[in-house]
């Protein structure tokens, strides 16, 4: 992807740190063994790689026990496991209108077994009033499920305040950190988070096919699958201890090896430094966009209030058409449409048009921002 300006990091970060690529290749070429299934050197080394990844992620979210980390294929699998594994007939769940379908679809699917839900309406800028969350809690509320930041507007949700509400009411708190982990602090103990879902391939800078589910001690979540775990093989029942309970089948050792190095990169670079860089790019972009009359910007537009995700439209032009021109003519990669979050688009008033989303990462530059602005100015001048 030579000379491409890649601004689709909210979908998958690209490029990755060089260490990530090297770790994947090394694991494939020199190990190739199944962790936890054999006693030979290769299997033991593969197990070490996976445990090291758990340790790195534990440092990132500031927990002491790495075994509270279960690996998944992606954040969607982590969210499905958390939501479907926790909620039972008669339970109630509170969520918001800014959620991704990876939260909303599992919740809606559970209506078939008698789970009810309340979707709290956010403002047209994507803001969430935590008082509305508290007001929505009922006697049978079992779960509050909230994104840390919108994948459309980047609006950061008040998870600290919601965590206080969850603790006070005795409700389990699930956070979808798909747009924040790796750039923003996600401290599960400080924020009373009992379930945390993270994709490995976005802010954690790992490869696709990796994800994380953190489950706090004492939270009972039924596994979605059973099978070989390499432990308790004599027993026909699934192990009940973490992380084996949730990790049936051969793990993605190659991907987890790469993910581990991505998290190491973040730990060494410093989350605050990554966040500052990404926010400065988004701020630069927004300030220049505000000078272009035809451009409509969605969300808060204020640094510190949103992640490095910026959605726009140019007049009434079709968002997919604008994204296509950016790609075809200017070699700028964005994502257009509804971004798997239809209720969020209804909330901000873009359900029919969609938006063109620009999402910045650690490897983007201010020079790229200037090039994108020039492209948008050229496009608007020709419409």
Protein backbone atom coordinates (compact mmCIF):
# COMPACT_ATOMS: atom_id res chain seq x y z
CA UNK A 1 0.00 0.00 0.00
CA UNK A 2 2.63 2.45 -1.19
CA UNK A 3 2.09 6.14 -0.46
CA UNK A 4 -1.38 5.54 0.92
CA UNK A 5 -2.66 7.84 3.64
CA UNK A 6 -4.34 5.31 5.88
CA UNK A 7 -7.08 6.86 8.01
CA UNK A 8 -9.17 3.80 8.83
CA UNK A 9 -7.54 2.93 12.13
CA UNK A 10 -10.93 2.72 13.86
CA UNK A 11 -11.54 -0.41 11.77
CA UNK A 12 -8.02 -1.87 11.94
CA UNK A 13 -4.78 -0.10 12.75
CA UNK A 14 -2.18 0.01 9.99
CA UNK A 15 0.73 -0.23 9.79
CA UNK A 16 1.80 -2.21 12.84
CA UNK A 17 5.07 -1.81 14.73
CA UNK A 18 7.84 -3.80 13.08
CA UNK A 19 8.14 -5.95 16.20
CA UNK A 20 4.63 -7.27 15.59
CA UNK A 21 5.47 -8.56 12.12
CA UNK A 22 8.72 -10.11 13.35
CA UNK A 23 7.02 -11.88 16.26
CA UNK A 24 4.41 -13.44 13.98
CA UNK A 25 7.04 -14.65 11.52
CA UNK A 26 9.31 -15.97 14.26
CA UNK A 27 6.49 -17.89 15.92
CA UNK A 28 5.42 -19.42 12.61
CA UNK A 29 8.93 -20.37 11.53
CA UNK A 30 10.55 -21.53 14.76
CA UNK A 31 7.74 -22.83 17.00
CA UNK A 32 4.56 -23.86 15.24
CA UNK A 33 3.45 -25.83 18.28
CA UNK A 34 0.19 -26.12 20.14
CA UNK A 35 0.42 -24.45 23.57
CA UNK A 36 -0.73 -26.43 26.57
CA UNK A 37 -1.27 -29.63 24.57
CA UNK A 38 2.16 -31.23 24.77
CA UNK A 39 5.23 -31.31 26.97
CA UNK A 40 7.90 -30.79 24.32
CA UNK A 41 9.97 -27.63 24.02
CA UNK A 42 7.96 -26.07 21.22
CA UNK A 43 4.66 -26.41 23.07
CA UNK A 44 6.16 -25.05 26.26
CA UNK A 45 7.59 -22.06 24.39
CA UNK A 46 4.23 -21.41 22.72
CA UNK A 47 2.59 -21.45 26.14
CA UNK A 48 5.17 -18.97 27.37
CA UNK A 49 4.39 -16.61 24.49
CA UNK A 50 0.69 -16.65 25.33
CA UNK A 51 1.24 -16.13 29.04
CA UNK A 52 3.58 -13.23 28.31
CA UNK A 53 0.80 -11.64 26.25
CA UNK A 54 -1.59 -12.00 29.21
CA UNK A 55 0.98 -10.30 31.42
CA UNK A 56 1.45 -7.40 29.02
CA UNK A 57 -2.30 -6.82 28.73
CA UNK A 58 -2.63 -7.03 32.51
CA UNK A 59 -0.11 -4.20 32.83
CA UNK A 60 -2.06 -2.16 30.30
CA UNK A 61 -5.39 -2.39 32.14
CA UNK A 62 -3.73 -2.48 35.57
CA UNK A 63 -4.80 -5.81 36.99
CA UNK A 64 -2.68 -8.17 39.07
CA UNK A 65 -3.89 -11.56 37.80
CA UNK A 66 -3.09 -12.28 34.13
CA UNK A 67 -5.38 -15.31 34.24
CA UNK A 68 -8.40 -12.99 34.29
CA UNK A 69 -7.61 -12.37 30.61
CA UNK A 70 -9.27 -14.66 28.04
CA UNK A 71 -8.26 -14.46 24.39
CA UNK A 72 -10.94 -14.23 21.71
CA UNK A 73 -10.99 -13.80 17.93
CA UNK A 74 -12.00 -10.14 18.22
CA UNK A 75 -13.98 -7.71 20.35
CA UNK A 76 -17.23 -8.99 18.85
CA UNK A 77 -16.63 -12.46 20.24
CA UNK A 78 -15.62 -10.96 23.58
CA UNK A 79 -18.82 -8.87 23.72
CA UNK A 80 -21.01 -11.80 22.71
CA UNK A 81 -19.43 -13.98 25.38
CA UNK A 82 -19.91 -11.32 28.05
CA UNK A 83 -23.49 -10.40 27.12
CA UNK A 84 -24.88 -13.85 26.29
CA UNK A 85 -22.89 -15.55 29.01
CA UNK A 86 -24.13 -13.22 31.75
CA UNK A 87 -27.77 -12.46 30.91
CA UNK A 88 -30.54 -14.95 31.56
CA UNK A 89 -34.34 -14.99 31.18
CA UNK A 90 -35.90 -12.21 33.23
CA UNK A 91 -32.76 -10.07 33.31
CA UNK A 92 -32.62 -6.46 32.17
CA UNK A 93 -29.72 -4.64 30.49
CA UNK A 94 -29.04 -0.92 30.07
CA UNK A 95 -27.09 0.33 27.07
CA UNK A 96 -26.94 3.45 24.86
CA UNK A 97 -27.91 4.71 21.42
CA UNK A 98 -24.24 5.16 20.46
CA UNK A 99 -23.35 1.47 20.63
CA UNK A 100 -21.88 -0.67 17.89
CA UNK A 101 -23.95 -3.58 16.59
CA UNK A 102 -21.56 -5.90 18.41
CA UNK A 103 -23.31 -4.76 21.58
CA UNK A 104 -26.82 -4.13 20.27
CA UNK A 105 -27.31 -7.28 18.20
CA UNK A 106 -26.47 -9.73 21.00
CA UNK A 107 -28.80 -7.80 23.31
CA UNK A 108 -31.64 -7.82 20.77
CA UNK A 109 -31.07 -11.54 20.12
CA UNK A 110 -31.56 -12.24 23.83
CA UNK A 111 -35.09 -10.81 23.67
CA UNK A 112 -36.03 -14.23 22.29
CA UNK A 113 -35.29 -15.80 25.67
CA UNK A 114 -36.91 -13.09 27.77
CA UNK A 115 -34.13 -10.56 28.36
CA UNK A 116 -35.33 -6.94 28.30
CA UNK A 117 -33.31 -3.82 27.53
CA UNK A 118 -33.32 -0.06 27.85
CA UNK A 119 -31.41 1.95 25.24
CA UNK A 120 -30.53 5.33 26.74
CA UNK A 121 -30.69 8.14 24.20
CA UNK A 122 -27.52 10.20 23.74
CA UNK A 123 -27.32 13.77 22.44
CA UNK A 124 -26.91 14.56 18.74
CA UNK A 125 -23.20 15.05 19.44
CA UNK A 126 -23.00 11.57 20.94
CA UNK A 127 -22.82 12.68 24.57
CA UNK A 128 -24.16 10.43 27.33
CA UNK A 129 -25.69 11.79 30.53
CA UNK A 130 -24.80 9.26 33.28
CA UNK A 131 -27.90 10.30 35.22
CA UNK A 132 -29.97 8.72 32.45
CA UNK A 133 -28.10 5.46 33.00
CA UNK A 134 -28.90 5.52 36.71
CA UNK A 135 -32.54 6.34 36.04
CA UNK A 136 -32.81 3.36 33.65
CA UNK A 137 -31.61 0.82 36.24
CA UNK A 138 -34.37 -1.48 37.52
CA UNK A 139 -34.56 -4.12 40.23
CA UNK A 140 -33.82 -6.83 37.65
CA UNK A 141 -31.03 -4.94 35.85
CA UNK A 142 -28.10 -7.31 35.53
CA UNK A 143 -25.80 -5.41 33.18
CA UNK A 144 -24.82 -1.92 32.02
CA UNK A 145 -23.07 -2.13 28.64
CA UNK A 146 -21.40 1.02 27.30
CA UNK A 147 -18.81 1.88 24.67
CA UNK A 148 -15.83 3.85 25.96
CA UNK A 149 -15.82 5.99 22.81
CA UNK A 150 -18.11 6.13 19.79
CA UNK A 151 -16.73 4.58 16.63
CA UNK A 152 -18.43 7.37 14.64
CA UNK A 153 -17.99 10.63 16.54
CA UNK A 154 -15.22 9.49 18.87
CA UNK A 155 -17.22 10.95 21.78
CA UNK A 156 -15.76 9.65 25.04
CA UNK A 157 -18.31 8.28 27.46
CA UNK A 158 -18.18 8.98 31.23
CA UNK A 159 -17.20 5.46 32.25
CA UNK A 160 -15.89 6.57 35.64
CA UNK A 161 -19.28 8.01 36.62
CA UNK A 162 -21.10 5.00 35.18
CA UNK A 163 -18.77 2.70 37.12
CA UNK A 164 -19.78 4.47 40.33
CA UNK A 165 -23.45 3.97 39.44
CA UNK A 166 -22.88 0.30 38.67
CA UNK A 167 -21.12 -0.28 41.97
CA UNK A 168 -23.79 1.59 43.95
CA UNK A 169 -26.63 -0.35 42.34
CA UNK A 170 -24.84 -3.70 42.30
CA UNK A 171 -25.06 -4.01 38.51
CA UNK A 172 -22.30 -5.58 36.42
CA UNK A 173 -20.50 -3.06 34.20
CA UNK A 174 -19.32 -4.01 30.68
CA UNK A 175 -17.16 -1.62 28.67
CA UNK A 176 -16.47 -1.90 24.94
CA UNK A 177 -12.98 -0.40 24.58
CA UNK A 178 -12.70 -0.95 20.83
CA UNK A 179 -11.83 2.70 20.14
CA UNK A 180 -9.80 3.53 23.24
CA UNK A 181 -7.62 0.65 24.45
CA UNK A 182 -4.03 1.49 23.61
CA UNK A 183 -4.63 5.26 23.48
CA UNK A 184 -6.67 5.92 26.62
CA UNK A 185 -6.37 4.56 30.14
CA UNK A 186 -8.82 1.75 30.79
CA UNK A 187 -8.30 0.99 34.47
CA UNK A 188 -10.79 -1.70 35.36
CA UNK A 189 -10.44 -1.47 39.13
CA UNK A 190 -10.51 2.32 39.28
CA UNK A 191 -13.59 2.46 37.04
CA UNK A 192 -15.39 -0.53 38.59
CA UNK A 193 -15.34 -2.37 35.26
CA UNK A 194 -16.17 -6.06 35.69
CA UNK A 195 -16.24 -7.00 32.00
CA UNK A 196 -13.98 -5.45 29.37
CA UNK A 197 -13.87 -6.23 25.66
CA UNK A 198 -10.91 -5.18 23.50
CA UNK A 199 -10.00 -5.95 19.89
CA UNK A 200 -6.37 -6.86 19.38
CA UNK A 201 -6.16 -5.42 15.88
CA UNK A 202 -7.04 -1.77 16.55
CA UNK A 203 -5.40 0.35 19.25
CA UNK A 204 -3.43 -2.59 20.66
CA UNK A 205 -1.61 -2.73 17.28
CA UNK A 206 -1.84 -6.51 16.96
CA UNK A 207 -3.03 -8.55 13.98
CA UNK A 208 -6.60 -9.36 13.01
CA UNK A 209 -8.03 -12.48 14.61
CA UNK A 210 -7.13 -11.39 18.14
CA UNK A 211 -9.24 -10.00 20.96
CA UNK A 212 -9.44 -9.84 24.74
CA UNK A 213 -12.14 -10.38 27.33
CA UNK A 214 -11.40 -9.42 30.93
CA UNK A 215 -13.70 -10.97 33.51
CA UNK A 216 -13.44 -9.80 37.11
CA UNK A 217 -13.25 -12.35 39.87
CA UNK A 218 -16.68 -13.36 41.11
CA UNK A 219 -18.49 -12.59 37.85
CA UNK A 220 -20.19 -15.69 36.48
CA UNK A 221 -20.20 -15.81 32.69
CA UNK A 222 -21.27 -18.95 30.87
CA UNK A 223 -18.92 -19.96 28.06
CA UNK A 224 -20.25 -19.98 24.50
CA UNK A 225 -18.34 -23.10 23.44
CA UNK A 226 -16.81 -26.23 24.89
CA UNK A 227 -13.92 -28.38 23.74
CA UNK A 228 -10.27 -29.16 24.21
CA UNK A 229 -8.38 -26.82 26.50
CA UNK A 230 -5.27 -28.87 27.26
CA UNK A 231 -6.40 -29.04 30.89
CA UNK A 232 -8.57 -31.54 32.78
CA UNK A 233 -8.62 -33.76 29.70
CA UNK A 234 -9.93 -36.64 31.79
CA UNK A 235 -13.13 -34.72 32.49
CA UNK A 236 -16.02 -34.63 30.00
CA UNK A 237 -17.19 -31.31 31.41
CA UNK A 238 -15.68 -27.95 30.50
CA UNK A 239 -13.16 -26.56 33.03
CA UNK A 240 -14.70 -23.91 35.27
CA UNK A 241 -11.53 -21.89 35.90
CA UNK A 242 -10.07 -19.01 33.89
CA UNK A 243 -8.94 -18.64 31.26
CA UNK A 244 -9.47 -22.25 30.14
CA UNK A 245 -13.25 -22.00 30.52
CA UNK A 246 -13.39 -19.55 27.60
CA UNK A 247 -10.51 -20.76 25.42
CA UNK A 248 -11.56 -24.05 23.86
CA UNK A 249 -9.65 -25.15 20.79
CA UNK A 250 -6.22 -24.32 19.47
CA UNK A 251 -5.47 -20.64 20.13
CA UNK A 252 -4.21 -18.16 17.57
CA UNK A 253 -0.66 -18.38 18.89
CA UNK A 254 0.79 -16.44 15.94
CA UNK A 255 -1.67 -13.62 16.37
CA UNK A 256 -1.27 -13.52 20.15
CA UNK A 257 2.52 -13.37 19.73
CA UNK A 258 2.07 -10.32 17.51
CA UNK A 259 -0.50 -8.82 19.86
CA UNK A 260 1.92 -9.16 22.77
CA UNK A 261 4.53 -7.14 20.90
CA UNK A 262 1.93 -4.52 19.98
CA UNK A 263 1.07 -4.07 23.65
CA UNK A 264 4.77 -3.95 24.55
CA UNK A 265 5.18 -1.15 22.02
CA UNK A 266 2.37 0.79 23.72
CA UNK A 267 3.80 0.22 27.19
CA UNK A 268 7.22 1.41 26.07
CA UNK A 269 5.90 4.37 24.09
CA UNK A 270 3.49 5.41 26.84
CA UNK A 271 -0.28 5.64 26.44
CA UNK A 272 -0.22 9.34 27.22
CA UNK A 273 2.26 9.97 24.38
CA UNK A 274 0.20 7.97 21.90
CA UNK A 275 -2.98 9.74 22.99
CA UNK A 276 -1.35 13.17 22.73
CA UNK A 277 -0.12 12.47 19.20
CA UNK A 278 -3.44 11.09 17.96
CA UNK A 279 -5.46 13.88 19.57
CA UNK A 280 -3.17 16.52 18.09
CA UNK A 281 -3.77 15.07 14.62
CA UNK A 282 -7.55 15.07 15.12
CA UNK A 283 -7.44 18.62 16.49
CA UNK A 284 -5.36 19.81 13.54
CA UNK A 285 -7.79 18.13 11.15
CA UNK A 286 -10.90 19.60 12.76
CA UNK A 287 -9.49 23.14 12.92
CA UNK A 288 -8.75 23.04 9.19
CA UNK A 289 -12.11 21.44 8.35
CA UNK A 290 -13.94 24.22 10.19
CA UNK A 291 -12.58 26.64 7.59
CA UNK A 292 -14.35 24.78 4.76
CA UNK A 293 -17.95 25.99 4.56
CA UNK A 294 -19.33 22.91 2.79
CA UNK A 295 -18.06 20.46 5.43
CA UNK A 296 -20.24 19.34 8.34
CA UNK A 297 -18.39 17.84 11.30
CA UNK A 298 -20.13 15.57 13.80
CA UNK A 299 -19.37 15.15 17.49
CA UNK A 300 -17.86 17.41 20.13
CA UNK A 301 -14.87 18.84 18.20
CA UNK A 302 -13.06 19.49 21.48
CA UNK A 303 -9.72 17.91 22.27
CA UNK A 304 -9.90 15.61 25.27
CA UNK A 305 -13.61 14.99 24.75
CA UNK A 306 -13.31 12.59 21.83
CA UNK A 307 -10.93 9.95 20.53
CA UNK A 308 -9.05 10.50 17.26
CA UNK A 309 -12.13 9.67 15.19
CA UNK A 310 -13.70 12.38 13.03
CA UNK A 311 -16.84 11.93 10.92
CA UNK A 312 -17.87 14.45 8.27
CA UNK A 313 -20.10 15.03 5.29
CA UNK A 314 -19.66 17.39 2.38
CA UNK A 315 -23.01 19.07 1.84
CA UNK A 316 -25.62 16.52 0.82
CA UNK A 317 -23.17 14.41 -1.14
CA UNK A 318 -23.29 10.64 -0.71
CA UNK A 319 -20.71 9.64 1.89
CA UNK A 320 -19.72 6.50 -0.03
CA UNK A 321 -19.05 8.58 -3.15
CA UNK A 322 -16.79 10.98 -1.26
CA UNK A 323 -14.90 8.09 0.32
CA UNK A 324 -14.51 6.50 -3.12
CA UNK A 325 -13.05 9.72 -4.58
CA UNK A 326 -10.64 10.06 -1.66
CA UNK A 327 -9.42 6.53 -2.29
CA UNK A 328 -9.41 6.46 -6.09
CA UNK A 329 -8.06 9.94 -6.81
CA UNK A 330 -6.06 10.84 -3.70
CA UNK A 331 -5.04 7.45 -2.26
CA UNK A 332 -6.63 8.28 1.10
CA UNK A 333 -8.26 5.37 2.93
CA UNK A 334 -11.38 6.20 4.93
CA UNK A 335 -14.62 4.42 5.78
CA UNK A 336 -18.06 5.61 4.73
CA UNK A 337 -21.61 4.55 5.55
CA UNK A 338 -23.20 3.50 8.83
CA UNK A 339 -20.12 1.90 10.42
CA UNK A 340 -22.14 -1.00 11.92
CA UNK A 341 -23.81 1.48 14.28
CA UNK A 342 -27.22 2.43 12.87
CA UNK A 343 -28.68 3.77 16.12
CA UNK A 344 -25.67 6.04 16.54
CA UNK A 345 -26.26 7.47 13.08
CA UNK A 346 -29.92 8.01 13.91
CA UNK A 347 -28.78 9.78 17.07
CA UNK A 348 -26.55 12.25 15.22
CA UNK A 349 -28.96 12.60 12.27
CA UNK A 350 -26.96 10.83 9.55
CA UNK A 351 -28.86 7.57 9.11
CA UNK A 352 -29.77 8.29 5.49
CA UNK A 353 -26.48 9.84 4.37
CA UNK A 354 -23.99 8.05 6.57
CA UNK A 355 -20.67 9.80 7.16
CA UNK A 356 -17.10 9.72 5.92
CA UNK A 357 -14.98 8.64 8.88
CA UNK A 358 -11.33 9.62 9.33
CA UNK A 359 -9.59 7.78 12.17
CA UNK A 360 -6.01 8.58 13.13
CA UNK A 361 -3.31 6.31 14.53
CA UNK A 362 0.14 6.53 16.03
CA UNK A 363 1.86 6.32 12.63
CA UNK A 364 -0.09 9.13 10.97
CA UNK A 365 1.52 12.58 10.59
CA UNK A 366 0.56 16.24 10.43
CA UNK A 367 1.85 16.31 6.86
CA UNK A 368 -0.77 13.70 5.99
CA UNK A 369 -3.44 15.85 7.64
CA UNK A 370 -2.46 18.75 5.38
CA UNK A 371 -2.62 16.53 2.30
CA UNK A 372 -6.08 15.30 3.26
CA UNK A 373 -7.31 18.85 3.82
CA UNK A 374 -6.05 19.85 0.38
CA UNK A 375 -7.90 16.88 -1.12
CA UNK A 376 -11.16 17.81 0.64
CA UNK A 377 -10.83 21.40 -0.57
CA UNK A 378 -10.35 20.20 -4.15
CA UNK A 379 -13.35 17.90 -3.91
CA UNK A 380 -15.61 20.63 -2.50
CA UNK A 381 -14.51 23.09 -5.18
CA UNK A 382 -15.62 20.67 -7.90
CA UNK A 383 -19.06 19.88 -6.51
